[in-house]
Amino acid sequence: MDKLDEIIEGYKDIKGGLIPVLQKTQEIFGYLPKDGLRKIAKALAIPESHIYGVVTFYSQFSLSPHNKYVIKVCRGTACHVQGAKKIISAVSKVTGLKEGKTPPPNSKFSFETVACVGVCALSPVMVINDSYFGKMTPKKVRTILGQYES
C-alpha cells in the first residue's frame, strides 16, 4: 500500500485524477482491492459510492483478481442482437467457467461479460486481455481459446 500512497500523492491536487489513480492502482495489484479504494476515496475526498460507480462503469477495471487471460464478451445491444448469448455459452463450454464467477486457481482464464466494448461494427465481440476478436461464432471461440491453452 506504500506504492499506492505515492500514486495518490501524485494526483491528489489534479482535477480528474481519479481515473489515472485507478489505472495505476490496478497495474500494481492486478485489480482494485477494496482497501485501496477506501484509501483513494479518503485521500481524494471522493465518496466511495462515486468511485464504485466509475469502477463498475468502465470495463477495464476489476474488483477481483483475475487469472492470466481475462475473457470478456460484450453483451451490448449490437452484440446481443448478433448472438452474444451463443458466444457466452461457447466460452463457458470451452473453459468450464461461468461468467462473473471466481475461476479456480489452476485455470488460465477468467470470464466476464461487459456492457459494451465500443466496436459494434464487429459484433459479437470477445476480448482477451487487450486483443479484440470480432464477428465471433462458437466455432471461432473454440479455435481462439485453443490457441491460448497451448
Protein backbone atom coordinates (compact mmCIF):
# COMPACT_ATOMS: atom_id res chain seq x y z
CA MET A 1 0.00 0.00 0.00
CA ASP A 2 3.03 2.31 0.22
CA LYS A 3 3.18 2.47 -3.57
CA LEU A 4 -0.49 3.45 -3.57
CA ASP A 5 0.31 6.40 -1.29
CA GLU A 6 2.86 7.60 -3.86
CA ILE A 7 0.34 7.31 -6.69
CA ILE A 8 -2.35 9.18 -4.77
CA GLU A 9 0.09 11.92 -3.81
CA GLY A 10 0.94 12.47 -7.48
CA TYR A 11 -2.73 13.09 -8.38
CA LYS A 12 -4.12 14.49 -5.13
CA ASP A 13 -4.46 18.06 -6.40
CA ILE A 14 -5.29 17.27 -10.03
CA LYS A 15 -8.91 17.65 -11.06
CA GLY A 16 -9.91 14.47 -12.87
CA GLY A 17 -7.11 12.46 -11.26
CA LEU A 18 -9.36 9.60 -10.17
CA ILE A 19 -9.12 7.52 -13.35
CA PRO A 20 -5.31 7.68 -13.59
CA VAL A 21 -5.09 6.73 -9.89
CA LEU A 22 -7.40 3.76 -10.51
CA GLN A 23 -5.44 2.70 -13.59
CA LYS A 24 -2.10 2.81 -11.78
CA THR A 25 -3.57 1.04 -8.75
CA GLN A 26 -4.82 -1.77 -10.97
CA GLU A 27 -1.39 -2.01 -12.63
CA ILE A 28 0.17 -2.62 -9.21
CA PHE A 29 -2.33 -5.11 -7.78
CA GLY A 30 -3.83 -6.60 -10.96
CA TYR A 31 -7.25 -5.48 -9.73
CA LEU A 32 -8.73 -2.80 -7.44
CA PRO A 33 -8.72 -4.04 -3.84
CA LYS A 34 -11.45 -2.68 -1.54
CA ASP A 35 -8.90 -1.37 0.96
CA GLY A 36 -7.18 0.52 -1.83
CA LEU A 37 -10.46 2.07 -3.00
CA ARG A 38 -11.24 3.20 0.56
CA LYS A 39 -7.81 4.80 0.79
CA ILE A 40 -8.27 6.54 -2.57
CA ALA A 41 -11.72 7.82 -1.57
CA LYS A 42 -10.43 9.25 1.67
CA ALA A 43 -7.30 10.82 0.17
CA LEU A 44 -9.10 12.38 -2.81
CA ALA A 45 -12.19 13.32 -0.75
CA ILE A 46 -14.47 11.45 -3.14
CA PRO A 47 -17.38 9.33 -1.85
CA GLU A 48 -16.72 5.58 -2.13
CA SER A 49 -20.05 5.23 -3.93
CA HIS A 50 -18.79 7.56 -6.68
CA ILE A 51 -15.59 5.55 -7.04
CA TYR A 52 -17.55 2.29 -7.27
CA GLY A 53 -19.74 3.90 -9.93
CA VAL A 54 -16.67 4.74 -12.00
CA VAL A 55 -15.07 1.33 -11.47
CA THR A 56 -18.19 -0.61 -12.42
CA PHE A 57 -18.92 1.61 -15.44
CA TYR A 58 -15.56 1.11 -17.17
CA SER A 59 -14.95 -2.48 -18.23
CA GLN A 60 -11.16 -2.23 -17.93
CA PHE A 61 -11.43 -2.03 -14.14
CA SER A 62 -11.83 -5.11 -11.99
CA LEU A 63 -12.78 -5.52 -8.35
CA SER A 64 -11.42 -9.05 -8.12
CA PRO A 65 -8.18 -10.80 -9.06
CA HIS A 66 -8.00 -12.40 -12.48
CA ASN A 67 -6.09 -15.25 -13.99
CA LYS A 68 -3.54 -14.84 -16.79
CA TYR A 69 -6.11 -14.38 -19.55
CA VAL A 70 -9.26 -12.32 -18.99
CA ILE A 71 -12.04 -13.16 -21.43
CA LYS A 72 -14.71 -10.52 -21.83
CA VAL A 73 -17.75 -10.99 -24.03
CA CYS A 74 -19.74 -7.93 -24.99
CA ARG A 75 -23.45 -8.16 -24.24
CA GLY A 76 -24.33 -4.67 -25.52
CA THR A 77 -27.24 -4.18 -27.87
CA ALA A 78 -25.40 -4.79 -31.15
CA CYS A 79 -23.63 -7.87 -29.79
CA HIS A 80 -26.83 -9.16 -28.18
CA VAL A 81 -28.68 -8.91 -31.47
CA GLN A 82 -25.83 -10.65 -33.31
CA GLY A 83 -25.70 -13.64 -30.95
CA ALA A 84 -23.72 -12.75 -27.82
CA LYS A 85 -25.63 -15.41 -25.85
CA LYS A 86 -24.18 -18.12 -28.10
CA ILE A 87 -20.69 -16.70 -27.60
CA ILE A 88 -21.13 -16.58 -23.81
CA SER A 89 -22.35 -20.17 -23.86
CA ALA A 90 -19.42 -21.28 -26.04
CA VAL A 91 -16.87 -19.62 -23.75
CA SER A 92 -18.45 -21.34 -20.73
CA LYS A 93 -18.45 -24.69 -22.52
CA VAL A 94 -14.82 -24.44 -23.69
CA THR A 95 -13.37 -23.11 -20.43
CA GLY A 96 -15.75 -24.67 -17.90
CA LEU A 97 -16.17 -21.19 -16.38
CA LYS A 98 -19.36 -19.31 -15.61
CA GLU A 99 -19.37 -15.58 -16.29
CA GLY A 100 -18.50 -13.47 -13.28
CA LYS A 101 -17.70 -16.44 -11.04
CA THR A 102 -14.31 -16.76 -9.39
CA PRO A 103 -12.26 -19.14 -11.53
CA PRO A 104 -10.30 -21.99 -9.99
CA PRO A 105 -6.65 -21.06 -9.34
CA ASN A 106 -5.43 -23.67 -11.84
CA SER A 107 -7.35 -22.04 -14.72
CA LYS A 108 -5.55 -19.76 -17.16
CA PHE A 109 -8.78 -17.88 -17.76
CA SER A 110 -11.17 -15.50 -16.01
CA PHE A 111 -14.51 -14.82 -17.69
CA GLU A 112 -16.95 -11.94 -17.54
CA THR A 113 -19.46 -10.13 -19.69
CA VAL A 114 -19.36 -6.38 -20.21
CA ALA A 115 -21.95 -3.82 -21.27
CA CYS A 116 -20.06 -2.59 -24.34
CA VAL A 117 -16.55 -2.71 -25.74
CA GLY A 118 -17.18 0.00 -28.30
CA VAL A 119 -16.70 -1.88 -31.55
CA CYS A 120 -20.30 -2.53 -32.51
CA ALA A 121 -19.44 -2.96 -36.20
CA LEU A 122 -17.59 -6.17 -35.25
CA SER A 123 -20.40 -7.67 -33.16
CA PRO A 124 -20.49 -10.06 -31.47
CA VAL A 125 -17.14 -9.31 -29.85
CA MET A 126 -14.88 -11.22 -27.48
CA VAL A 127 -11.85 -9.61 -25.84
CA ILE A 128 -8.92 -11.47 -24.31
CA ASN A 129 -6.74 -9.10 -22.33
CA ASP A 130 -6.06 -6.39 -24.94
CA SER A 131 -6.89 -8.42 -28.07
CA TYR A 132 -10.27 -7.93 -29.75
CA PHE A 133 -11.98 -10.65 -31.77
CA GLY A 134 -14.99 -9.68 -33.85
CA LYS A 135 -17.72 -11.41 -35.81
CA MET A 136 -17.49 -14.23 -33.29
CA THR A 137 -19.10 -17.63 -33.68
CA PRO A 138 -19.00 -20.59 -31.29
CA LYS A 139 -16.52 -22.28 -33.66
CA LYS A 140 -14.23 -19.22 -33.56
CA VAL A 141 -14.42 -19.25 -29.75
CA ARG A 142 -13.09 -22.83 -29.68
CA THR A 143 -10.32 -22.02 -32.16
CA ILE A 144 -9.18 -18.82 -30.45
CA LEU A 145 -9.28 -20.20 -26.91
CA GLY A 146 -7.42 -23.28 -28.12
CA GLN A 147 -4.52 -21.02 -29.14
CA TYR A 148 -4.34 -19.61 -25.61
CA GLU A 149 -4.34 -23.02 -23.94
CA SER A 150 -1.08 -24.17 -25.52
